[in-house]
Amino acid sequence: MGINEQIPDSRFQPRTKHEDLPSIGLDDTIDLVSAAIDGIPGIGNLISAGIDIIHTISYIVRYFFSKTDEERIENATLAFITLGATFIPIAGNSLPIMVRTGIKQILKYTPAEIMIIGQKLGIVGRTKFFLSKSKFQYLFLLVLAKFTGGELAENLTEVSKKLSQLLQEVNKTPKLRFFREPLQNFNTLVQDLKKDADIAVKISSELKK
């Protein structure tokens, strides 16, 4: 089976039409999340630990219901970096612009061009396996590698720990039931990508040249 013939992982595909999030802006999504978690002790503890929970959940919800790979990569990257803000030195109002710029730089590379980089690095087999992932998965990893560099594997582990902690609080609170599936989906994605962090870093370093 060729690179372009691989069957994508359905767990990380866009939601079907009847499951789509209503067409509301990010600010409205943030307001909805903020209202839902207001006054919940466990969530408050996470916020006091320096985690921007409201924006994190908002980005994850929007990732979960995104309709295109570019939207999903943008929202997933914003969720990842926002949740990891205490150890990923990227923050502030310029973050969305930086992420969009980084995504555009990565999206311009075709699988064939990435394969050539793999040949140059002497990792043809691993590059083929890397590209056998869904387009969203391998591009998301390359975008994360662009922002986190050689610390990608460690950052994936730490973000997964924080997501698991957040899920524990959500699972204890019926009021937050709506957020369980998006959070679990995103955590599964992050865990699945850890094993390919090293190859993403190697390829991403060549994309910058």
C-alpha atoms as a PDB file:
ATOM      1  CA  MET A   1       0.000   0.000   0.000  1.00  0.00           C
ATOM      2  CA  GLY A   2       1.472   3.365  -1.016  1.00  0.00           C
ATOM      3  CA  ILE A   3       1.872   6.389   1.220  1.00  0.00           C
ATOM      4  CA  ASN A   4      -1.149   8.137  -0.229  1.00  0.00           C
ATOM      5  CA  GLU A   5      -3.286   5.000   0.029  1.00  0.00           C
ATOM      6  CA  GLN A   6      -3.017   4.541   3.772  1.00  0.00           C
ATOM      7  CA  ILE A   7      -6.285   4.279   5.658  1.00  0.00           C
ATOM      8  CA  PRO A   8      -6.549   7.182   8.148  1.00  0.00           C
ATOM      9  CA  ASP A   9      -7.186   6.551  11.821  1.00  0.00           C
ATOM     10  CA  SER A  10     -10.914   7.205  12.215  1.00  0.00           C
ATOM     11  CA  ARG A  11     -10.522   8.179  15.875  1.00  0.00           C
ATOM     12  CA  PHE A  12      -8.963  11.464  14.823  1.00  0.00           C
ATOM     13  CA  GLN A  13     -11.185  12.326  11.853  1.00  0.00           C
ATOM     14  CA  PRO A  14     -13.499  15.370  11.824  1.00  0.00           C
ATOM     15  CA  ARG A  15     -16.946  14.851  13.377  1.00  0.00           C
ATOM     16  CA  THR A  16     -19.769  14.018  10.964  1.00  0.00           C
ATOM     17  CA  LYS A  17     -22.200  16.759   9.982  1.00  0.00           C
ATOM     18  CA  HIS A  18     -24.868  15.978  12.562  1.00  0.00           C
ATOM     19  CA  GLU A  19     -22.244  16.190  15.317  1.00  0.00           C
ATOM     20  CA  ASP A  20     -20.808  19.535  14.259  1.00  0.00           C
ATOM     21  CA  LEU A  21     -20.335  22.269  16.825  1.00  0.00           C
ATOM     22  CA  PRO A  22     -22.675  25.182  16.174  1.00  0.00           C
ATOM     23  CA  SER A  23     -20.988  27.984  14.228  1.00  0.00           C
ATOM     24  CA  ILE A  24     -19.825  30.101  17.143  1.00  0.00           C
ATOM     25  CA  GLY A  25     -16.581  31.989  17.555  1.00  0.00           C
ATOM     26  CA  LEU A  26     -13.751  31.118  19.890  1.00  0.00           C
ATOM     27  CA  ASP A  27     -14.757  33.867  22.322  1.00  0.00           C
ATOM     28  CA  ASP A  28     -18.233  32.326  22.640  1.00  0.00           C
ATOM     29  CA  THR A  29     -16.728  28.878  23.156  1.00  0.00           C
ATOM     30  CA  ILE A  30     -14.515  30.294  25.907  1.00  0.00           C
ATOM     31  CA  ASP A  31     -17.557  31.879  27.578  1.00  0.00           C
ATOM     32  CA  LEU A  32     -19.411  28.548  27.512  1.00  0.00           C
ATOM     33  CA  VAL A  33     -16.446  26.674  28.999  1.00  0.00           C
ATOM     34  CA  SER A  34     -15.906  29.370  31.618  1.00  0.00           C
ATOM     35  CA  ALA A  35     -19.545  29.172  32.734  1.00  0.00           C
ATOM     36  CA  ALA A  36     -19.411  25.364  32.909  1.00  0.00           C
ATOM     37  CA  ILE A  37     -16.317  25.137  35.133  1.00  0.00           C
ATOM     38  CA  ASP A  38     -17.075  28.126  37.350  1.00  0.00           C
ATOM     39  CA  GLY A  39     -16.786  27.250  41.013  1.00  0.00           C
ATOM     40  CA  ILE A  40     -15.561  23.643  40.612  1.00  0.00           C
ATOM     41  CA  PRO A  41     -12.819  23.140  43.279  1.00  0.00           C
ATOM     42  CA  GLY A  42     -10.646  20.632  41.405  1.00  0.00           C
ATOM     43  CA  ILE A  43     -10.554  22.770  38.278  1.00  0.00           C
ATOM     44  CA  GLY A  44      -9.699  25.787  40.397  1.00  0.00           C
ATOM     45  CA  ASN A  45      -6.667  23.932  41.721  1.00  0.00           C
ATOM     46  CA  LEU A  46      -5.417  23.332  38.172  1.00  0.00           C
ATOM     47  CA  ILE A  47      -5.906  26.985  37.293  1.00  0.00           C
ATOM     48  CA  SER A  48      -3.941  28.072  40.363  1.00  0.00           C
ATOM     49  CA  ALA A  49      -1.120  25.761  39.217  1.00  0.00           C
ATOM     50  CA  GLY A  50      -0.639  27.986  36.191  1.00  0.00           C
ATOM     51  CA  ILE A  51      -2.778  26.102  33.661  1.00  0.00           C
ATOM     52  CA  ASP A  52      -5.093  28.153  31.477  1.00  0.00           C
ATOM     53  CA  ILE A  53      -7.911  25.622  31.687  1.00  0.00           C
ATOM     54  CA  ILE A  54     -10.594  27.721  30.026  1.00  0.00           C
ATOM     55  CA  HIS A  55      -8.600  28.363  26.847  1.00  0.00           C
ATOM     56  CA  THR A  56      -7.216  24.806  26.836  1.00  0.00           C
ATOM     57  CA  ILE A  57     -10.655  23.171  26.906  1.00  0.00           C
ATOM     58  CA  SER A  58     -12.001  25.684  24.397  1.00  0.00           C
ATOM     59  CA  TYR A  59      -9.253  24.834  21.911  1.00  0.00           C
ATOM     60  CA  ILE A  60      -9.729  21.087  22.474  1.00  0.00           C
ATOM     61  CA  VAL A  61     -13.485  21.332  21.873  1.00  0.00           C
ATOM     62  CA  ARG A  62     -12.874  23.255  18.673  1.00  0.00           C
ATOM     63  CA  TYR A  63     -10.186  20.744  17.594  1.00  0.00           C
ATOM     64  CA  PHE A  64     -12.675  17.921  18.150  1.00  0.00           C
ATOM     65  CA  PHE A  65     -15.326  19.534  15.936  1.00  0.00           C
ATOM     66  CA  SER A  66     -13.031  21.053  13.293  1.00  0.00           C
ATOM     67  CA  LYS A  67     -13.964  20.295   9.697  1.00  0.00           C
ATOM     68  CA  THR A  68     -10.556  20.557   7.990  1.00  0.00           C
ATOM     69  CA  ASP A  69      -7.052  19.314   8.769  1.00  0.00           C
ATOM     70  CA  GLU A  70      -5.744  22.878   8.913  1.00  0.00           C
ATOM     71  CA  GLU A  71      -8.374  23.898  11.503  1.00  0.00           C
ATOM     72  CA  ARG A  72      -7.732  20.764  13.538  1.00  0.00           C
ATOM     73  CA  ILE A  73      -3.965  21.271  13.514  1.00  0.00           C
ATOM     74  CA  GLU A  74      -4.367  24.918  14.540  1.00  0.00           C
ATOM     75  CA  ASN A  75      -6.723  24.200  17.442  1.00  0.00           C
ATOM     76  CA  ALA A  76      -4.790  21.111  18.565  1.00  0.00           C
ATOM     77  CA  THR A  77      -1.514  23.058  18.549  1.00  0.00           C
ATOM     78  CA  LEU A  78      -3.043  25.956  20.482  1.00  0.00           C
ATOM     79  CA  ALA A  79      -4.479  23.502  23.030  1.00  0.00           C
ATOM     80  CA  PHE A  80      -1.138  21.718  23.413  1.00  0.00           C
ATOM     81  CA  ILE A  81       0.943  24.873  23.845  1.00  0.00           C
ATOM     82  CA  THR A  82      -1.609  26.537  26.143  1.00  0.00           C
ATOM     83  CA  LEU A  83      -1.769  23.479  28.406  1.00  0.00           C
ATOM     84  CA  GLY A  84       2.020  23.264  28.409  1.00  0.00           C
ATOM     85  CA  ALA A  85       2.547  26.990  28.951  1.00  0.00           C
ATOM     86  CA  THR A  86       4.463  26.390  32.191  1.00  0.00           C
ATOM     87  CA  PHE A  87       7.248  24.539  30.309  1.00  0.00           C
ATOM     88  CA  ILE A  88       6.824  25.592  26.638  1.00  0.00           C
ATOM     89  CA  PRO A  89       8.178  29.165  26.307  1.00  0.00           C
ATOM     90  CA  ILE A  90       5.541  30.424  23.860  1.00  0.00           C
ATOM     91  CA  ALA A  91       2.642  32.504  25.091  1.00  0.00           C
ATOM     92  CA  GLY A  92       0.815  35.781  24.839  1.00  0.00           C
ATOM     93  CA  ASN A  93      -1.540  37.361  22.344  1.00  0.00           C
ATOM     94  CA  SER A  94       0.802  36.589  19.441  1.00  0.00           C
ATOM     95  CA  LEU A  95       0.472  32.804  19.933  1.00  0.00           C
ATOM     96  CA  PRO A  96      -2.393  32.239  17.411  1.00  0.00           C
ATOM     97  CA  ILE A  97      -0.514  34.200  14.740  1.00  0.00           C
ATOM     98  CA  MET A  98       2.704  32.274  15.385  1.00  0.00           C
ATOM     99  CA  VAL A  99       0.848  28.959  15.194  1.00  0.00           C
ATOM    100  CA  ARG A 100      -0.922  29.830  11.934  1.00  0.00           C
ATOM    101  CA  THR A 101       2.371  30.932  10.380  1.00  0.00           C
ATOM    102  CA  GLY A 102       4.091  27.735  11.505  1.00  0.00           C
ATOM    103  CA  ILE A 103       1.284  25.572  10.123  1.00  0.00           C
ATOM    104  CA  LYS A 104       1.432  27.266   6.722  1.00  0.00           C
ATOM    105  CA  GLN A 105       5.171  26.612   6.574  1.00  0.00           C
ATOM    106  CA  ILE A 106       4.668  22.901   7.322  1.00  0.00           C
ATOM    107  CA  LEU A 107       1.611  22.355   5.106  1.00  0.00           C
ATOM    108  CA  LYS A 108       3.505  23.379   1.978  1.00  0.00           C
ATOM    109  CA  TYR A 109       5.588  20.167   2.141  1.00  0.00           C
ATOM    110  CA  THR A 110       4.258  17.134   0.274  1.00  0.00           C
ATOM    111  CA  PRO A 111       4.734  13.521   1.445  1.00  0.00           C
ATOM    112  CA  ALA A 112       7.203  13.066  -1.434  1.00  0.00           C
ATOM    113  CA  GLU A 113       9.292  16.005  -0.230  1.00  0.00           C
ATOM    114  CA  ILE A 114       9.245  14.684   3.337  1.00  0.00           C
ATOM    115  CA  MET A 115      10.315  11.285   2.007  1.00  0.00           C
ATOM    116  CA  ILE A 116      13.302  12.890   0.281  1.00  0.00           C
ATOM    117  CA  ILE A 117      14.315  14.389   3.631  1.00  0.00           C
ATOM    118  CA  GLY A 118      14.034  10.920   5.193  1.00  0.00           C
ATOM    119  CA  GLN A 119      16.349   9.540   2.505  1.00  0.00           C
ATOM    120  CA  LYS A 120      18.812  12.342   3.159  1.00  0.00           C
ATOM    121  CA  LEU A 121      18.786  11.527   6.876  1.00  0.00           C
ATOM    122  CA  GLY A 122      19.159   7.783   6.245  1.00  0.00           C
ATOM    123  CA  ILE A 123      15.840   6.939   7.896  1.00  0.00           C
ATOM    124  CA  VAL A 124      13.768   5.815   4.910  1.00  0.00           C
ATOM    125  CA  GLY A 125      11.931   3.017   6.723  1.00  0.00           C
ATOM    126  CA  ARG A 126      10.923   5.141   9.681  1.00  0.00           C
ATOM    127  CA  THR A 127       9.902   8.007   7.416  1.00  0.00           C
ATOM    128  CA  LYS A 128       7.602   5.679   5.457  1.00  0.00           C
ATOM    129  CA  PHE A 129       6.019   4.539   8.721  1.00  0.00           C
ATOM    130  CA  PHE A 130       5.734   8.159   9.883  1.00  0.00           C
ATOM    131  CA  LEU A 131       3.916   9.106   6.685  1.00  0.00           C
ATOM    132  CA  SER A 132       1.597   6.099   7.009  1.00  0.00           C
ATOM    133  CA  LYS A 133      -0.172   8.024   9.763  1.00  0.00           C
ATOM    134  CA  SER A 134      -3.106  10.205   8.794  1.00  0.00           C
ATOM    135  CA  LYS A 135      -2.123  13.507   7.192  1.00  0.00           C
ATOM    136  CA  PHE A 136      -3.421  15.334  10.268  1.00  0.00           C
ATOM    137  CA  GLN A 137      -1.308  13.256  12.662  1.00  0.00           C
ATOM    138  CA  TYR A 138       2.053  13.573  10.942  1.00  0.00           C
ATOM    139  CA  LEU A 139       1.566  17.268  10.129  1.00  0.00           C
ATOM    140  CA  PHE A 140       0.473  17.984  13.721  1.00  0.00           C
ATOM    141  CA  LEU A 141       3.633  16.282  14.993  1.00  0.00           C
ATOM    142  CA  LEU A 142       5.815  18.299  12.616  1.00  0.00           C
ATOM    143  CA  VAL A 143       4.160  21.537  13.751  1.00  0.00           C
ATOM    144  CA  LEU A 144       4.716  20.636  17.411  1.00  0.00           C
ATOM    145  CA  ALA A 145       8.333  19.758  16.653  1.00  0.00           C
ATOM    146  CA  LYS A 146       8.771  23.165  15.031  1.00  0.00           C
ATOM    147  CA  PHE A 147       7.721  24.896  18.257  1.00  0.00           C
ATOM    148  CA  THR A 148       9.241  22.579  20.878  1.00  0.00           C
ATOM    149  CA  GLY A 149      12.347  21.212  19.149  1.00  0.00           C
ATOM    150  CA  GLY A 150      14.257  18.393  20.835  1.00  0.00           C
ATOM    151  CA  GLU A 151      12.024  18.517  23.914  1.00  0.00           C
ATOM    152  CA  LEU A 152       8.976  17.267  21.982  1.00  0.00           C
ATOM    153  CA  ALA A 153       8.896  13.782  23.548  1.00  0.00           C
ATOM    154  CA  GLU A 154       9.176  15.211  27.077  1.00  0.00           C
ATOM    155  CA  ASN A 155       6.514  17.829  26.334  1.00  0.00           C
ATOM    156  CA  LEU A 156       4.121  15.193  24.943  1.00  0.00           C
ATOM    157  CA  THR A 157       4.543  13.208  28.165  1.00  0.00           C
ATOM    158  CA  GLU A 158       3.962  16.231  30.399  1.00  0.00           C
ATOM    159  CA  VAL A 159       0.926  17.441  28.440  1.00  0.00           C
ATOM    160  CA  SER A 160      -0.560  13.944  28.584  1.00  0.00           C
ATOM    161  CA  LYS A 161      -0.133  13.950  32.381  1.00  0.00           C
ATOM    162  CA  LYS A 162      -1.963  17.275  32.632  1.00  0.00           C
ATOM    163  CA  LEU A 163      -4.715  16.049  30.328  1.00  0.00           C
ATOM    164  CA  SER A 164      -5.160  12.948  32.491  1.00  0.00           C
ATOM    165  CA  GLN A 165      -5.381  15.161  35.576  1.00  0.00           C
ATOM    166  CA  LEU A 166      -7.946  17.359  33.863  1.00  0.00           C
ATOM    167  CA  LEU A 167      -9.950  14.309  32.766  1.00  0.00           C
ATOM    168  CA  GLN A 168     -10.065  13.051  36.349  1.00  0.00           C
ATOM    169  CA  GLU A 169     -11.713  16.284  37.445  1.00  0.00           C
ATOM    170  CA  VAL A 170     -14.101  16.288  34.484  1.00  0.00           C
ATOM    171  CA  ASN A 171     -15.135  12.677  35.115  1.00  0.00           C
ATOM    172  CA  LYS A 172     -16.045  13.547  38.705  1.00  0.00           C
ATOM    173  CA  THR A 173     -18.322  16.387  37.616  1.00  0.00           C
ATOM    174  CA  PRO A 174     -21.592  15.642  35.736  1.00  0.00           C
ATOM    175  CA  LYS A 175     -21.778  19.323  34.795  1.00  0.00           C
ATOM    176  CA  LEU A 176     -18.706  18.833  32.588  1.00  0.00           C
ATOM    177  CA  ARG A 177     -19.941  15.680  30.811  1.00  0.00           C
ATOM    178  CA  PHE A 178     -19.908  17.406  27.399  1.00  0.00           C
ATOM    179  CA  PHE A 179     -16.123  17.839  27.573  1.00  0.00           C
ATOM    180  CA  ARG A 180     -15.237  14.202  28.327  1.00  0.00           C
ATOM    181  CA  GLU A 181     -15.098  12.846  24.775  1.00  0.00           C
ATOM    182  CA  PRO A 182     -13.094  15.760  23.277  1.00  0.00           C
ATOM    183  CA  LEU A 183     -10.593  15.608  26.160  1.00  0.00           C
ATOM    184  CA  GLN A 184     -10.241  11.818  25.978  1.00  0.00           C
ATOM    185  CA  ASN A 185      -9.807  11.959  22.211  1.00  0.00           C
ATOM    186  CA  PHE A 186      -7.096  14.602  22.493  1.00  0.00           C
ATOM    187  CA  ASN A 187      -5.287  12.734  25.268  1.00  0.00           C
ATOM    188  CA  THR A 188      -5.323   9.515  23.211  1.00  0.00           C
ATOM    189  CA  LEU A 189      -3.905  11.447  20.267  1.00  0.00           C
ATOM    190  CA  VAL A 190      -1.080  12.912  22.366  1.00  0.00           C
ATOM    191  CA  GLN A 191      -0.215   9.491  23.815  1.00  0.00           C
ATOM    192  CA  ASP A 192      -0.228   7.864  20.372  1.00  0.00           C
ATOM    193  CA  LEU A 193       2.188  10.431  18.971  1.00  0.00           C
ATOM    194  CA  LYS A 194       4.881  10.069  21.646  1.00  0.00           C
ATOM    195  CA  LYS A 195       6.570   7.117  19.963  1.00  0.00           C
ATOM    196  CA  ASP A 196       7.239   9.139  16.802  1.00  0.00           C
ATOM    197  CA  ALA A 197       8.478  12.325  18.469  1.00  0.00           C
ATOM    198  CA  ASP A 198      12.141  11.699  17.635  1.00  0.00           C
ATOM    199  CA  ILE A 199      11.583  11.272  13.904  1.00  0.00           C
ATOM    200  CA  ALA A 200       9.327  14.349  13.826  1.00  0.00           C
ATOM    201  CA  VAL A 201      12.126  16.398  15.405  1.00  0.00           C
ATOM    202  CA  LYS A 202      14.686  15.134  12.886  1.00  0.00           C
ATOM    203  CA  ILE A 203      12.461  15.871   9.885  1.00  0.00           C
ATOM    204  CA  SER A 204      11.295  19.211  11.261  1.00  0.00           C
ATOM    205  CA  SER A 205      14.883  20.375  11.736  1.00  0.00           C
ATOM    206  CA  GLU A 206      15.447  19.839   8.024  1.00  0.00           C
ATOM    207  CA  LEU A 207      12.245  21.664   7.052  1.00  0.00           C
ATOM    208  CA  LYS A 208      13.652  24.813   8.600  1.00  0.00           C
ATOM    209  CA  LYS A 209      16.639  24.859   6.261  1.00  0.00           C
END
